[in-house]
Amino acid sequence: MFNLQGKVALVTGARRGMGRTHALALAGQGASLSPAGMDLFMTSISP
């Protein structure tokens, strides 16, 4: 589709729902993620 390597994506609400789906899609295209609004104890996003 497209290449986001070398780009950083700021994703709000990345813990669940649409935010999580968007974060996973952006990471799948090579973007580094900067998730915002996640719990302090949540350290990773896994499919």
Protein backbone atom coordinates (compact mmCIF):
# COMPACT_ATOMS: atom_id res chain seq x y z
CA MET A 1 0.00 0.00 0.00
CA PHE A 2 2.39 2.73 1.22
CA ASN A 3 5.57 2.97 3.26
CA LEU A 4 5.71 4.85 6.56
CA GLN A 5 9.23 3.81 7.56
CA GLY A 6 11.06 6.71 9.18
CA LYS A 7 7.75 8.34 10.18
CA VAL A 8 6.28 8.66 13.67
CA ALA A 9 2.53 8.32 14.22
CA LEU A 10 0.90 9.88 17.28
CA VAL A 11 -2.14 7.75 18.01
CA THR A 12 -4.63 8.72 20.71
CA GLY A 13 -6.78 6.01 22.27
CA ALA A 14 -4.40 3.28 21.06
CA ARG A 15 -5.36 0.94 23.86
CA ARG A 16 -8.59 -0.35 22.33
CA GLY A 17 -11.20 0.07 19.64
CA MET A 18 -10.54 2.20 16.59
CA GLY A 19 -7.40 3.75 18.06
CA ARG A 20 -5.87 0.30 18.50
CA THR A 21 -6.88 -0.70 14.99
CA HIS A 22 -5.31 2.45 13.54
CA ALA A 23 -2.14 1.98 15.58
CA LEU A 24 -1.73 -1.59 14.36
CA ALA A 25 -2.37 -0.55 10.73
CA LEU A 26 0.18 2.28 10.91
CA ALA A 27 2.76 0.01 12.55
CA GLY A 28 2.08 -2.58 9.86
CA GLN A 29 3.11 0.01 7.26
CA GLY A 30 6.38 0.67 9.09
CA ALA A 31 5.58 3.72 11.25
CA SER A 32 7.04 4.09 14.71
CA LEU A 33 4.25 4.63 17.21
CA SER A 34 3.85 7.22 19.91
CA PRO A 35 0.65 6.07 21.58
CA ALA A 36 -1.10 8.63 23.79
CA GLY A 37 -3.73 8.12 26.44
CA MET A 38 -2.66 4.62 27.41
CA ASP A 39 -2.47 3.23 30.94
CA LEU A 40 0.95 3.53 32.57
CA PHE A 41 1.09 -0.25 32.97
CA MET A 42 0.31 -0.91 29.30
CA THR A 43 3.73 -1.23 27.67
CA SER A 44 3.03 -2.83 24.31
CA ILE A 45 0.41 -3.24 21.63
CA SER A 46 0.04 -6.73 20.27
CA PRO A 47 -2.42 -8.09 17.72
